[in-house]
N, C-alpha and C. Protein backbone atom coordinates (compact mmCIF):
# COMPACT_ATOMS: atom_id res chain seq x y z
N MET A 1 57.12 -5.35 67.34
CA MET A 1 56.17 -4.28 67.07
C MET A 1 55.33 -4.68 65.86
N SER A 2 54.07 -4.32 65.89
CA SER A 2 53.21 -4.58 64.75
C SER A 2 52.47 -3.32 64.36
N VAL A 3 52.08 -3.28 63.10
CA VAL A 3 51.32 -2.15 62.56
C VAL A 3 50.01 -2.70 62.04
N ALA A 4 48.93 -2.02 62.36
CA ALA A 4 47.60 -2.47 61.95
C ALA A 4 46.96 -1.48 61.00
N ARG A 5 45.99 -1.98 60.28
CA ARG A 5 45.19 -1.14 59.39
C ARG A 5 43.72 -1.38 59.71
N VAL A 6 42.90 -0.36 59.50
CA VAL A 6 41.47 -0.46 59.74
C VAL A 6 40.74 -0.18 58.43
N ILE A 7 39.80 -1.08 58.09
CA ILE A 7 38.97 -0.88 56.91
C ILE A 7 37.51 -0.94 57.34
N GLU A 8 36.65 -0.33 56.55
CA GLU A 8 35.21 -0.38 56.82
C GLU A 8 34.55 -1.30 55.81
N ILE A 9 33.73 -2.23 56.32
CA ILE A 9 32.98 -3.11 55.44
C ILE A 9 31.51 -3.07 55.82
N SER A 10 30.68 -3.45 54.88
CA SER A 10 29.24 -3.53 55.09
C SER A 10 28.81 -4.96 54.80
N SER A 11 27.93 -5.49 55.63
CA SER A 11 27.47 -6.85 55.47
C SER A 11 25.98 -6.92 55.74
N THR A 12 25.28 -7.81 55.03
CA THR A 12 23.83 -7.94 55.21
C THR A 12 23.43 -9.38 55.48
N SER A 13 22.25 -9.54 56.07
CA SER A 13 21.67 -10.85 56.33
C SER A 13 20.16 -10.70 56.34
N ASN A 14 19.47 -11.75 55.99
CA ASN A 14 18.01 -11.72 56.12
C ASN A 14 17.56 -12.38 57.42
N LYS A 15 18.54 -12.79 58.28
CA LYS A 15 18.23 -13.46 59.54
C LYS A 15 18.31 -12.54 60.75
N SER A 16 19.49 -11.87 60.93
CA SER A 16 19.70 -11.08 62.15
C SER A 16 20.95 -10.20 62.01
N PHE A 17 21.10 -9.26 62.95
CA PHE A 17 22.32 -8.46 62.99
C PHE A 17 23.51 -9.36 63.29
N GLU A 18 23.34 -10.30 64.22
CA GLU A 18 24.41 -11.23 64.58
C GLU A 18 24.89 -12.01 63.35
N ASP A 19 23.97 -12.47 62.53
CA ASP A 19 24.34 -13.20 61.32
C ASP A 19 25.05 -12.29 60.33
N ALA A 20 24.62 -11.05 60.21
CA ALA A 20 25.29 -10.09 59.32
C ALA A 20 26.73 -9.87 59.77
N ILE A 21 26.94 -9.77 61.09
CA ILE A 21 28.30 -9.60 61.63
C ILE A 21 29.13 -10.84 61.32
N GLN A 22 28.58 -12.03 61.58
CA GLN A 22 29.31 -13.27 61.33
C GLN A 22 29.68 -13.40 59.85
N GLN A 23 28.74 -13.07 58.96
CA GLN A 23 29.00 -13.15 57.52
C GLN A 23 30.10 -12.18 57.10
N GLY A 24 30.05 -10.97 57.65
CA GLY A 24 31.07 -9.98 57.33
C GLY A 24 32.45 -10.40 57.79
N LEU A 25 32.54 -10.93 59.01
CA LEU A 25 33.83 -11.38 59.53
C LEU A 25 34.35 -12.60 58.78
N TYR A 26 33.43 -13.51 58.43
CA TYR A 26 33.82 -14.68 57.64
C TYR A 26 34.45 -14.25 56.31
N ARG A 27 33.78 -13.31 55.64
CA ARG A 27 34.28 -12.84 54.34
C ARG A 27 35.59 -12.07 54.49
N ALA A 28 35.69 -11.23 55.53
CA ALA A 28 36.93 -10.48 55.76
C ALA A 28 38.11 -11.43 55.97
N ASN A 29 37.89 -12.50 56.73
CA ASN A 29 38.96 -13.46 57.00
C ASN A 29 39.36 -14.25 55.77
N LYS A 30 38.50 -14.35 54.75
CA LYS A 30 38.87 -15.01 53.50
C LYS A 30 39.86 -14.15 52.70
N THR A 31 39.78 -12.84 52.87
CA THR A 31 40.61 -11.92 52.09
C THR A 31 41.80 -11.38 52.88
N LEU A 32 41.60 -11.11 54.15
CA LEU A 32 42.62 -10.47 54.98
C LEU A 32 43.27 -11.47 55.92
N ARG A 33 44.56 -11.30 56.16
CA ARG A 33 45.25 -12.10 57.17
C ARG A 33 45.41 -11.25 58.43
N GLY A 34 45.37 -11.87 59.57
CA GLY A 34 45.65 -11.16 60.81
C GLY A 34 44.52 -10.30 61.33
N VAL A 35 43.26 -10.67 61.03
CA VAL A 35 42.13 -9.90 61.56
C VAL A 35 42.12 -10.04 63.08
N LYS A 36 42.08 -8.91 63.78
CA LYS A 36 42.17 -8.91 65.24
C LYS A 36 40.92 -8.41 65.94
N SER A 37 40.16 -7.52 65.30
CA SER A 37 38.98 -6.98 65.99
C SER A 37 38.03 -6.34 64.99
N ALA A 38 36.82 -6.09 65.48
CA ALA A 38 35.82 -5.39 64.68
C ALA A 38 35.00 -4.51 65.60
N TRP A 39 34.65 -3.35 65.12
CA TRP A 39 33.82 -2.41 65.86
C TRP A 39 32.58 -2.15 65.01
N ILE A 40 31.41 -2.41 65.58
CA ILE A 40 30.18 -2.20 64.84
C ILE A 40 29.84 -0.72 64.89
N LYS A 41 29.94 -0.10 63.75
CA LYS A 41 29.74 1.34 63.63
C LYS A 41 28.27 1.71 63.48
N GLU A 42 27.53 0.88 62.73
CA GLU A 42 26.15 1.23 62.42
C GLU A 42 25.34 -0.03 62.13
N GLN A 43 24.09 -0.02 62.54
CA GLN A 43 23.16 -1.10 62.22
C GLN A 43 21.93 -0.48 61.56
N THR A 44 21.49 -1.10 60.47
CA THR A 44 20.35 -0.58 59.72
C THR A 44 19.41 -1.72 59.37
N LEU A 45 18.12 -1.42 59.38
CA LEU A 45 17.10 -2.39 58.97
C LEU A 45 16.49 -1.96 57.65
N ARG A 46 16.16 -2.93 56.82
CA ARG A 46 15.35 -2.68 55.64
C ARG A 46 13.99 -3.32 55.92
N VAL A 47 12.94 -2.59 55.64
CA VAL A 47 11.60 -3.10 55.93
C VAL A 47 10.69 -2.97 54.71
N GLU A 48 9.74 -3.86 54.65
CA GLU A 48 8.65 -3.78 53.67
C GLU A 48 7.37 -3.87 54.48
N GLY A 49 6.68 -2.74 54.58
CA GLY A 49 5.50 -2.70 55.45
C GLY A 49 5.93 -2.84 56.90
N GLU A 50 5.45 -3.87 57.56
CA GLU A 50 5.81 -4.11 58.95
C GLU A 50 6.80 -5.27 59.10
N VAL A 51 7.34 -5.75 57.99
CA VAL A 51 8.22 -6.92 58.01
C VAL A 51 9.67 -6.50 57.77
N ILE A 52 10.57 -6.99 58.62
CA ILE A 52 12.00 -6.76 58.42
C ILE A 52 12.48 -7.69 57.31
N THR A 53 13.08 -7.11 56.28
CA THR A 53 13.54 -7.92 55.15
C THR A 53 15.06 -8.10 55.13
N GLU A 54 15.80 -7.19 55.79
CA GLU A 54 17.25 -7.28 55.76
C GLU A 54 17.85 -6.53 56.93
N TYR A 55 18.91 -7.12 57.48
CA TYR A 55 19.69 -6.49 58.54
C TYR A 55 21.05 -6.13 57.93
N GLN A 56 21.50 -4.91 58.17
CA GLN A 56 22.79 -4.48 57.63
C GLN A 56 23.64 -3.91 58.74
N VAL A 57 24.93 -4.26 58.73
CA VAL A 57 25.89 -3.68 59.67
C VAL A 57 27.04 -3.07 58.88
N ASN A 58 27.50 -1.94 59.35
CA ASN A 58 28.75 -1.34 58.87
C ASN A 58 29.73 -1.49 60.02
N MET A 59 30.88 -2.10 59.72
CA MET A 59 31.85 -2.34 60.78
C MET A 59 33.25 -1.96 60.35
N LEU A 60 34.03 -1.59 61.35
CA LEU A 60 35.44 -1.30 61.14
C LEU A 60 36.22 -2.53 61.57
N VAL A 61 37.00 -3.08 60.65
CA VAL A 61 37.77 -4.30 60.90
C VAL A 61 39.25 -3.93 60.97
N THR A 62 39.89 -4.39 62.04
CA THR A 62 41.33 -4.12 62.24
C THR A 62 42.11 -5.38 61.94
N PHE A 63 43.16 -5.25 61.14
CA PHE A 63 44.03 -6.39 60.86
C PHE A 63 45.49 -5.94 60.87
N ILE A 64 46.36 -6.89 61.19
CA ILE A 64 47.80 -6.63 61.29
C ILE A 64 48.43 -6.73 59.91
N LEU A 65 49.24 -5.74 59.57
CA LEU A 65 49.95 -5.75 58.29
C LEU A 65 51.13 -6.72 58.34
N ASP A 66 51.38 -7.42 57.24
CA ASP A 66 52.53 -8.32 57.15
C ASP A 66 53.81 -7.53 57.24
N GLU A 67 54.83 -8.19 57.75
CA GLU A 67 56.16 -7.55 57.85
C GLU A 67 56.79 -7.43 56.49
């Protein structure tokens, strides 16, 4: 039997939503052991005029707790 925990993290990129997700998961895996899944809760754009300057995702990351 395993027990999991869910945390919410926010990640940004100046390239794309996909890159923001990858960056967030990369960072989560540096700190957490046993990351199993992520659910993208929200996506937000930052704009200046007509130009997209930043992509942001808020995601719920699930990881297994150590025994």
